[in-house]
Amino acid sequence: MRTAALLLAITFPAASATLSEVEFIGFSHDGSLACFGQYWTEDGSGFPGAEMRIVSVAEDSTVRVFEAGWTEEDFYGGDDPYRAFEGTGNPAWDEVLAESGPFLDSVGISGAHRGFHCICHLPSDTGVDPWRASFATWIWSPLYIGPEYNLSLLLHPAEIENPPDWLSMFGEPVALELFIEDGDGRRVMHRADREGVPAPGYEYVLDYRIRDVYVFSDSMVAIVLSTSVPGFEGPDGMHRMVTGMLDSHPGPGY
């Protein structure tokens, strides 16, 4: 029975596209850093992969990345053929968690600093607007709710130099622009891929959708976005995190 289950787990993903699971790990104790991870089973091969990304919240820039990916040798090597299905069930994610632990401890990132989880739009929730959402930064009771903000995504045609021929099979890639406005319509946070050129690692993203919003200390924001990217048997579902600060007193042109 275990052999049959092992074969099924290895071969079944070949019948579907890759869809990563995402976990927001948390902020550092002062909110200056944010961390999220994602893990998946590769479409076609059935091999697991994972990454964890630590980001400077104010700069929206990557501080460190931990990555792992299994190969056929990893699957069939060793004395225990079932070791791939121990722990979390994704051995690549287990490796990333183990490798990143000391660094996360050193910078004070932990689940105790996850902030306020303002928005959670699962991929199965088909009734929400994927590019717009409103949220409050805190809630004490149904009567006492924090200030409301409006989050919007704008997707622009991406400027890609010498795109591969196969890219046209999937559609046109996009560059991301994201902004948050307060209840008075003032723009208090703005992020954009510069001049229509996608950020490194996101050159071939076909779509962005709002997934999660976390706010720490009423001002530090981590936004997890679902992405569609070209895959082996169709678009794959991955994730990107965008961070920033809510500006209480935005200046002209912010």
C-alpha atoms as a PDB file:
ATOM      1  CA  MET A   1       0.000   0.000   0.000  1.00  0.00           C
ATOM      2  CA  ARG A   2       2.820   2.425   0.851  1.00  0.00           C
ATOM      3  CA  THR A   3       4.504   1.660  -2.478  1.00  0.00           C
ATOM      4  CA  ALA A   4       1.294   2.446  -4.347  1.00  0.00           C
ATOM      5  CA  ALA A   5       0.865   5.686  -2.430  1.00  0.00           C
ATOM      6  CA  LEU A   6       4.459   6.656  -3.182  1.00  0.00           C
ATOM      7  CA  LEU A   7       4.034   6.069  -6.914  1.00  0.00           C
ATOM      8  CA  LEU A   8       0.748   7.967  -6.960  1.00  0.00           C
ATOM      9  CA  ALA A   9       2.255  10.949  -5.169  1.00  0.00           C
ATOM     10  CA  ILE A  10       5.164  11.066  -7.600  1.00  0.00           C
ATOM     11  CA  THR A  11       3.198  10.638 -10.820  1.00  0.00           C
ATOM     12  CA  PHE A  12      -0.027  12.493 -10.123  1.00  0.00           C
ATOM     13  CA  PRO A  13       1.371  16.064 -10.360  1.00  0.00           C
ATOM     14  CA  ALA A  14       2.288  15.401 -14.004  1.00  0.00           C
ATOM     15  CA  ALA A  15      -1.421  15.584 -14.801  1.00  0.00           C
ATOM     16  CA  SER A  16      -1.797  19.156 -13.559  1.00  0.00           C
ATOM     17  CA  ALA A  17      -0.048  22.520 -13.438  1.00  0.00           C
ATOM     18  CA  THR A  18       2.178  23.636 -10.586  1.00  0.00           C
ATOM     19  CA  LEU A  19       0.339  25.465  -7.803  1.00  0.00           C
ATOM     20  CA  SER A  20       2.510  26.643  -4.949  1.00  0.00           C
ATOM     21  CA  GLU A  21       1.447  26.871  -1.322  1.00  0.00           C
ATOM     22  CA  VAL A  22       2.390  30.117   0.389  1.00  0.00           C
ATOM     23  CA  GLU A  23       3.217  30.905   4.018  1.00  0.00           C
ATOM     24  CA  PHE A  24       3.804  34.328   5.514  1.00  0.00           C
ATOM     25  CA  ILE A  25       6.451  33.719   8.163  1.00  0.00           C
ATOM     26  CA  GLY A  26       6.287  37.115   9.863  1.00  0.00           C
ATOM     27  CA  PHE A  27       7.996  40.453  10.455  1.00  0.00           C
ATOM     28  CA  SER A  28      11.102  41.197  12.463  1.00  0.00           C
ATOM     29  CA  HIS A  29      10.483  42.569  15.947  1.00  0.00           C
ATOM     30  CA  ASP A  30      10.755  46.172  14.681  1.00  0.00           C
ATOM     31  CA  GLY A  31       8.869  45.553  11.429  1.00  0.00           C
ATOM     32  CA  SER A  32      11.830  46.465   9.219  1.00  0.00           C
ATOM     33  CA  LEU A  33      11.981  43.005   7.628  1.00  0.00           C
ATOM     34  CA  ALA A  34       9.271  40.669   6.366  1.00  0.00           C
ATOM     35  CA  CYS A  35       9.532  37.047   5.307  1.00  0.00           C
ATOM     36  CA  PHE A  36       7.398  34.733   3.221  1.00  0.00           C
ATOM     37  CA  GLY A  37       7.924  31.302   1.708  1.00  0.00           C
ATOM     38  CA  GLN A  38       6.340  29.106  -0.908  1.00  0.00           C
ATOM     39  CA  TYR A  39       6.676  25.455  -1.833  1.00  0.00           C
ATOM     40  CA  TRP A  40       5.383  23.344  -4.674  1.00  0.00           C
ATOM     41  CA  THR A  41       5.539  20.114  -6.640  1.00  0.00           C
ATOM     42  CA  GLU A  42       6.925  20.589 -10.137  1.00  0.00           C
ATOM     43  CA  ASP A  43       4.494  20.005 -12.961  1.00  0.00           C
ATOM     44  CA  GLY A  44       5.752  17.172 -15.161  1.00  0.00           C
ATOM     45  CA  SER A  45       8.563  15.820 -12.969  1.00  0.00           C
ATOM     46  CA  GLY A  46       6.664  15.685  -9.696  1.00  0.00           C
ATOM     47  CA  PHE A  47       9.735  16.921  -7.818  1.00  0.00           C
ATOM     48  CA  PRO A  48       9.339  19.315  -4.863  1.00  0.00           C
ATOM     49  CA  GLY A  49      10.765  22.823  -4.726  1.00  0.00           C
ATOM     50  CA  ALA A  50      10.678  25.679  -2.226  1.00  0.00           C
ATOM     51  CA  GLU A  51      11.958  29.163  -1.529  1.00  0.00           C
ATOM     52  CA  MET A  52      11.919  31.612   1.359  1.00  0.00           C
ATOM     53  CA  ARG A  53      12.484  35.321   0.796  1.00  0.00           C
ATOM     54  CA  ILE A  54      13.412  37.947   3.396  1.00  0.00           C
ATOM     55  CA  VAL A  55      12.620  41.499   2.294  1.00  0.00           C
ATOM     56  CA  SER A  56      13.397  44.997   3.563  1.00  0.00           C
ATOM     57  CA  VAL A  57       9.924  46.442   4.143  1.00  0.00           C
ATOM     58  CA  ALA A  58      10.812  50.085   3.509  1.00  0.00           C
ATOM     59  CA  GLU A  59      12.856  49.376   0.369  1.00  0.00           C
ATOM     60  CA  ASP A  60      10.828  46.430  -0.990  1.00  0.00           C
ATOM     61  CA  SER A  61      14.173  44.792  -1.752  1.00  0.00           C
ATOM     62  CA  THR A  62      15.332  41.247  -1.139  1.00  0.00           C
ATOM     63  CA  VAL A  63      17.770  40.807   1.738  1.00  0.00           C
ATOM     64  CA  ARG A  64      18.245  37.046   1.482  1.00  0.00           C
ATOM     65  CA  VAL A  65      16.757  34.036  -0.293  1.00  0.00           C
ATOM     66  CA  PHE A  66      16.801  30.388   0.736  1.00  0.00           C
ATOM     67  CA  GLU A  67      15.999  27.852  -1.990  1.00  0.00           C
ATOM     68  CA  ALA A  68      15.845  24.085  -2.381  1.00  0.00           C
ATOM     69  CA  GLY A  69      14.778  21.705  -5.122  1.00  0.00           C
ATOM     70  CA  TRP A  70      14.757  17.931  -5.307  1.00  0.00           C
ATOM     71  CA  THR A  71      15.906  15.844  -8.262  1.00  0.00           C
ATOM     72  CA  GLU A  72      15.406  12.217  -9.243  1.00  0.00           C
ATOM     73  CA  GLU A  73      18.582  11.324  -7.361  1.00  0.00           C
ATOM     74  CA  ASP A  74      17.229  12.923  -4.195  1.00  0.00           C
ATOM     75  CA  PHE A  75      14.001  10.980  -4.499  1.00  0.00           C
ATOM     76  CA  TYR A  76      15.500   7.552  -5.061  1.00  0.00           C
ATOM     77  CA  GLY A  77      18.806   7.898  -3.218  1.00  0.00           C
ATOM     78  CA  GLY A  78      19.345   6.985   0.405  1.00  0.00           C
ATOM     79  CA  ASP A  79      18.150   4.093   2.506  1.00  0.00           C
ATOM     80  CA  ASP A  80      14.633   5.391   3.199  1.00  0.00           C
ATOM     81  CA  PRO A  81      12.460   5.775   0.068  1.00  0.00           C
ATOM     82  CA  TYR A  82       9.706   7.384   2.155  1.00  0.00           C
ATOM     83  CA  ARG A  83      11.788  10.213   3.607  1.00  0.00           C
ATOM     84  CA  ALA A  84      10.360  12.564   0.974  1.00  0.00           C
ATOM     85  CA  PHE A  85       6.955  12.314   2.632  1.00  0.00           C
ATOM     86  CA  GLU A  86       8.005  12.933   6.215  1.00  0.00           C
ATOM     87  CA  GLY A  87       7.917  16.298   7.984  1.00  0.00           C
ATOM     88  CA  THR A  88       5.695  18.754   6.118  1.00  0.00           C
ATOM     89  CA  GLY A  89       5.299  16.399   3.155  1.00  0.00           C
ATOM     90  CA  ASN A  90       7.492  18.641   1.002  1.00  0.00           C
ATOM     91  CA  PRO A  91      11.167  17.828   1.626  1.00  0.00           C
ATOM     92  CA  ALA A  92      12.392  20.932  -0.186  1.00  0.00           C
ATOM     93  CA  TRP A  93      10.359  23.104   2.196  1.00  0.00           C
ATOM     94  CA  ASP A  94      11.704  21.137   5.160  1.00  0.00           C
ATOM     95  CA  GLU A  95      15.251  21.889   3.961  1.00  0.00           C
ATOM     96  CA  VAL A  96      14.489  25.591   3.551  1.00  0.00           C
ATOM     97  CA  LEU A  97      12.946  25.787   7.020  1.00  0.00           C
ATOM     98  CA  ALA A  98      15.972  24.099   8.580  1.00  0.00           C
ATOM     99  CA  GLU A  99      18.538  26.184   6.685  1.00  0.00           C
ATOM    100  CA  SER A 100      16.809  29.519   7.284  1.00  0.00           C
ATOM    101  CA  GLY A 101      16.114  29.017  10.985  1.00  0.00           C
ATOM    102  CA  PRO A 102      19.370  30.458  12.386  1.00  0.00           C
ATOM    103  CA  PHE A 103      19.193  33.517  10.128  1.00  0.00           C
ATOM    104  CA  LEU A 104      15.553  34.229  10.999  1.00  0.00           C
ATOM    105  CA  ASP A 105      16.428  33.972  14.684  1.00  0.00           C
ATOM    106  CA  SER A 106      19.354  36.364  14.235  1.00  0.00           C
ATOM    107  CA  VAL A 107      17.164  39.106  12.715  1.00  0.00           C
ATOM    108  CA  GLY A 108      14.190  38.537  15.005  1.00  0.00           C
ATOM    109  CA  ILE A 109      11.696  37.214  12.448  1.00  0.00           C
ATOM    110  CA  SER A 110       9.103  34.875  13.917  1.00  0.00           C
ATOM    111  CA  GLY A 111       5.450  33.929  13.822  1.00  0.00           C
ATOM    112  CA  ALA A 112       4.988  36.021  16.957  1.00  0.00           C
ATOM    113  CA  HIS A 113       5.377  39.110  14.749  1.00  0.00           C
ATOM    114  CA  ARG A 114       2.922  38.316  11.960  1.00  0.00           C
ATOM    115  CA  GLY A 115       1.070  41.589  12.396  1.00  0.00           C
ATOM    116  CA  PHE A 116      -2.622  41.965  11.587  1.00  0.00           C
ATOM    117  CA  HIS A 117      -3.880  39.715   8.783  1.00  0.00           C
ATOM    118  CA  CYS A 118      -6.144  42.170   6.990  1.00  0.00           C
ATOM    119  CA  ILE A 119      -7.005  40.277   3.787  1.00  0.00           C
ATOM    120  CA  CYS A 120      -7.028  36.605   2.794  1.00  0.00           C
ATOM    121  CA  HIS A 121      -8.249  35.800  -0.723  1.00  0.00           C
ATOM    122  CA  LEU A 122      -7.704  32.122  -1.457  1.00  0.00           C
ATOM    123  CA  PRO A 123      -7.479  31.081  -5.130  1.00  0.00           C
ATOM    124  CA  SER A 124     -10.745  29.193  -4.663  1.00  0.00           C
ATOM    125  CA  ASP A 125     -12.568  32.411  -3.708  1.00  0.00           C
ATOM    126  CA  THR A 126     -13.874  33.335  -7.151  1.00  0.00           C
ATOM    127  CA  GLY A 127     -16.261  36.070  -6.008  1.00  0.00           C
ATOM    128  CA  VAL A 128     -13.701  38.719  -5.037  1.00  0.00           C
ATOM    129  CA  ASP A 129     -12.209  41.425  -7.218  1.00  0.00           C
ATOM    130  CA  PRO A 130      -8.678  40.120  -7.884  1.00  0.00           C
ATOM    131  CA  TRP A 131      -7.183  43.583  -8.402  1.00  0.00           C
ATOM    132  CA  ARG A 132      -8.949  45.730  -5.788  1.00  0.00           C
ATOM    133  CA  ALA A 133      -9.654  45.341  -2.091  1.00  0.00           C
ATOM    134  CA  SER A 134     -10.325  47.455   0.984  1.00  0.00           C
ATOM    135  CA  PHE A 135      -9.085  46.719   4.477  1.00  0.00           C
ATOM    136  CA  ALA A 136      -8.673  48.119   7.988  1.00  0.00           C
ATOM    137  CA  THR A 137      -5.358  47.943   9.799  1.00  0.00           C
ATOM    138  CA  TRP A 138      -6.890  46.745  13.069  1.00  0.00           C
ATOM    139  CA  ILE A 139     -10.181  45.697  14.643  1.00  0.00           C
ATOM    140  CA  TRP A 140     -10.951  45.519  18.350  1.00  0.00           C
ATOM    141  CA  SER A 141     -14.630  44.660  17.989  1.00  0.00           C
ATOM    142  CA  PRO A 142     -17.402  45.085  15.404  1.00  0.00           C
ATOM    143  CA  LEU A 143     -17.793  48.621  16.784  1.00  0.00           C
ATOM    144  CA  TYR A 144     -14.112  49.625  16.982  1.00  0.00           C
ATOM    145  CA  ILE A 145     -12.391  49.252  13.617  1.00  0.00           C
ATOM    146  CA  GLY A 146      -9.249  50.964  12.393  1.00  0.00           C
ATOM    147  CA  PRO A 147      -8.926  53.287   9.406  1.00  0.00           C
ATOM    148  CA  GLU A 148      -9.909  51.909   6.009  1.00  0.00           C
ATOM    149  CA  TYR A 149      -7.529  51.725   3.068  1.00  0.00           C
ATOM    150  CA  ASN A 150      -8.069  50.798  -0.572  1.00  0.00           C
ATOM    151  CA  LEU A 151      -5.560  48.602  -2.399  1.00  0.00           C
ATOM    152  CA  SER A 152      -5.408  48.536  -6.207  1.00  0.00           C
ATOM    153  CA  LEU A 153      -3.302  46.649  -8.737  1.00  0.00           C
ATOM    154  CA  LEU A 154      -2.654  48.018 -12.217  1.00  0.00           C
ATOM    155  CA  LEU A 155      -1.166  45.650 -14.796  1.00  0.00           C
ATOM    156  CA  HIS A 156       0.754  47.200 -17.676  1.00  0.00           C
ATOM    157  CA  PRO A 157       2.160  45.554 -20.817  1.00  0.00           C
ATOM    158  CA  ALA A 158       5.685  44.465 -19.965  1.00  0.00           C
ATOM    159  CA  GLU A 159       8.727  45.671 -21.874  1.00  0.00           C
ATOM    160  CA  ILE A 160      10.815  42.537 -22.453  1.00  0.00           C
ATOM    161  CA  GLU A 161      13.902  42.513 -24.628  1.00  0.00           C
ATOM    162  CA  ASN A 162      14.161  39.470 -26.934  1.00  0.00           C
ATOM    163  CA  PRO A 163      11.304  37.410 -25.447  1.00  0.00           C
ATOM    164  CA  PRO A 164      11.452  33.658 -26.158  1.00  0.00           C
ATOM    165  CA  ASP A 165       9.258  32.370 -28.985  1.00  0.00           C
ATOM    166  CA  TRP A 166       7.250  30.105 -26.694  1.00  0.00           C
ATOM    167  CA  LEU A 167       6.071  33.037 -24.564  1.00  0.00           C
ATOM    168  CA  SER A 168       3.393  33.956 -27.122  1.00  0.00           C
ATOM    169  CA  MET A 169       1.658  30.629 -26.416  1.00  0.00           C
ATOM    170  CA  PHE A 170       0.695  31.869 -22.953  1.00  0.00           C
ATOM    171  CA  GLY A 171      -0.242  35.492 -23.596  1.00  0.00           C
ATOM    172  CA  GLU A 172       1.370  38.823 -22.844  1.00  0.00           C
ATOM    173  CA  PRO A 173       3.464  39.306 -19.687  1.00  0.00           C
ATOM    174  CA  VAL A 174       2.669  42.243 -17.437  1.00  0.00           C
ATOM    175  CA  ALA A 175       4.500  44.763 -15.273  1.00  0.00           C
ATOM    176  CA  LEU A 176       3.050  45.519 -11.852  1.00  0.00           C
ATOM    177  CA  GLU A 177       1.909  48.810 -10.367  1.00  0.00           C
ATOM    178  CA  LEU A 178       0.384  48.782  -6.887  1.00  0.00           C
ATOM    179  CA  PHE A 179      -0.965  51.577  -4.734  1.00  0.00           C
ATOM    180  CA  ILE A 180      -2.891  52.100  -1.510  1.00  0.00           C
ATOM    181  CA  GLU A 181      -5.175  55.065  -0.818  1.00  0.00           C
ATOM    182  CA  ASP A 182      -6.620  56.151   2.503  1.00  0.00           C
ATOM    183  CA  GLY A 183     -10.285  56.927   3.130  1.00  0.00           C
ATOM    184  CA  ASP A 184      -9.840  60.454   1.765  1.00  0.00           C
ATOM    185  CA  GLY A 185      -8.424  59.211  -1.522  1.00  0.00           C
ATOM    186  CA  ARG A 186      -4.828  60.177  -0.697  1.00  0.00           C
ATOM    187  CA  ARG A 187      -2.215  57.801  -2.055  1.00  0.00           C
ATOM    188  CA  VAL A 188      -0.238  56.575   0.964  1.00  0.00           C
ATOM    189  CA  MET A 189       1.814  53.797  -0.666  1.00  0.00           C
ATOM    190  CA  HIS A 190       2.972  53.211  -4.230  1.00  0.00           C
ATOM    191  CA  ARG A 191       5.095  50.491  -5.832  1.00  0.00           C
ATOM    192  CA  ALA A 192       5.751  49.923  -9.527  1.00  0.00           C
ATOM    193  CA  ASP A 193       8.012  47.927 -11.810  1.00  0.00           C
ATOM    194  CA  ARG A 194      10.088  50.745 -13.282  1.00  0.00           C
ATOM    195  CA  GLU A 195       9.254  51.922 -16.806  1.00  0.00           C
ATOM    196  CA  GLY A 196       7.262  48.820 -17.597  1.00  0.00           C
ATOM    197  CA  VAL A 197      10.222  46.490 -17.018  1.00  0.00           C
ATOM    198  CA  PRO A 198       9.240  43.639 -14.663  1.00  0.00           C
ATOM    199  CA  ALA A 199      11.264  43.112 -11.509  1.00  0.00           C
ATOM    200  CA  PRO A 200      14.023  40.475 -11.743  1.00  0.00           C
ATOM    201  CA  GLY A 201      12.538  37.018 -11.377  1.00  0.00           C
ATOM    202  CA  TYR A 202       9.087  38.178 -12.489  1.00  0.00           C
ATOM    203  CA  GLU A 203       9.764  38.884 -16.181  1.00  0.00           C
ATOM    204  CA  TYR A 204       7.181  36.427 -17.499  1.00  0.00           C
ATOM    205  CA  VAL A 205       4.300  36.936 -15.057  1.00  0.00           C
ATOM    206  CA  LEU A 206       0.989  36.858 -16.935  1.00  0.00           C
ATOM    207  CA  ASP A 207      -1.299  38.062 -14.130  1.00  0.00           C
ATOM    208  CA  TYR A 208      -1.253  39.295 -10.541  1.00  0.00           C
ATOM    209  CA  ARG A 209      -4.045  38.876  -8.001  1.00  0.00           C
ATOM    210  CA  ILE A 210      -4.397  40.008  -4.400  1.00  0.00           C
ATOM    211  CA  ARG A 211      -3.819  37.104  -1.991  1.00  0.00           C
ATOM    212  CA  ASP A 212      -2.978  38.401   1.512  1.00  0.00           C
ATOM    213  CA  VAL A 213      -2.289  41.682   3.275  1.00  0.00           C
ATOM    214  CA  TYR A 214      -0.453  41.894   6.601  1.00  0.00           C
ATOM    215  CA  VAL A 215       0.089  45.132   8.552  1.00  0.00           C
ATOM    216  CA  PHE A 216       2.567  45.503  11.406  1.00  0.00           C
ATOM    217  CA  SER A 217       2.346  48.373  13.896  1.00  0.00           C
ATOM    218  CA  ASP A 218      -0.266  50.164  11.734  1.00  0.00           C
ATOM    219  CA  SER A 219       2.296  51.184   9.110  1.00  0.00           C
ATOM    220  CA  MET A 220       4.503  48.350   7.778  1.00  0.00           C
ATOM    221  CA  VAL A 221       2.718  46.463   5.007  1.00  0.00           C
ATOM    222  CA  ALA A 222       3.402  43.094   3.371  1.00  0.00           C
ATOM    223  CA  ILE A 223       1.205  42.205   0.401  1.00  0.00           C
ATOM    224  CA  VAL A 224       1.274  38.662  -0.966  1.00  0.00           C
ATOM    225  CA  LEU A 225       0.161  38.394  -4.591  1.00  0.00           C
ATOM    226  CA  SER A 226      -0.816  35.302  -6.552  1.00  0.00           C
ATOM    227  CA  THR A 227       0.870  35.128  -9.946  1.00  0.00           C
ATOM    228  CA  SER A 228       0.314  33.181 -13.145  1.00  0.00           C
ATOM    229  CA  VAL A 229       3.491  32.220 -14.998  1.00  0.00           C
ATOM    230  CA  PRO A 230       4.192  29.984 -18.021  1.00  0.00           C
ATOM    231  CA  GLY A 231       4.412  26.328 -17.059  1.00  0.00           C
ATOM    232  CA  PHE A 232       4.884  22.829 -18.439  1.00  0.00           C
ATOM    233  CA  GLU A 233       1.219  22.101 -19.149  1.00  0.00           C
ATOM    234  CA  GLY A 234      -0.247  25.581 -18.854  1.00  0.00           C
ATOM    235  CA  PRO A 235       0.106  28.540 -16.494  1.00  0.00           C
ATOM    236  CA  ASP A 236       1.572  27.773 -13.077  1.00  0.00           C
ATOM    237  CA  GLY A 237       0.461  29.494  -9.883  1.00  0.00           C
ATOM    238  CA  MET A 238       3.228  31.102  -7.824  1.00  0.00           C
ATOM    239  CA  HIS A 239       3.510  34.089  -5.461  1.00  0.00           C
ATOM    240  CA  ARG A 240       5.279  37.420  -5.032  1.00  0.00           C
ATOM    241  CA  MET A 241       5.469  39.626  -1.934  1.00  0.00           C
ATOM    242  CA  VAL A 242       5.471  43.433  -2.177  1.00  0.00           C
ATOM    243  CA  THR A 243       6.231  45.557   0.883  1.00  0.00           C
ATOM    244  CA  GLY A 244       6.081  49.196   1.881  1.00  0.00           C
ATOM    245  CA  MET A 245       5.120  51.774   4.491  1.00  0.00           C
ATOM    246  CA  LEU A 246       1.802  53.559   4.884  1.00  0.00           C
ATOM    247  CA  ASP A 247       2.622  57.268   4.755  1.00  0.00           C
ATOM    248  CA  SER A 248       0.397  59.170   7.192  1.00  0.00           C
ATOM    249  CA  HIS A 249       1.301  62.499   5.603  1.00  0.00           C
ATOM    250  CA  PRO A 250       1.990  61.897   1.901  1.00  0.00           C
ATOM    251  CA  GLY A 251       3.567  64.735   0.001  1.00  0.00           C
ATOM    252  CA  PRO A 252       2.693  65.964  -3.499  1.00  0.00           C
ATOM    253  CA  GLY A 253       3.094  63.313  -6.174  1.00  0.00           C
ATOM    254  CA  TYR A 254       3.643  60.473  -3.722  1.00  0.00           C
END
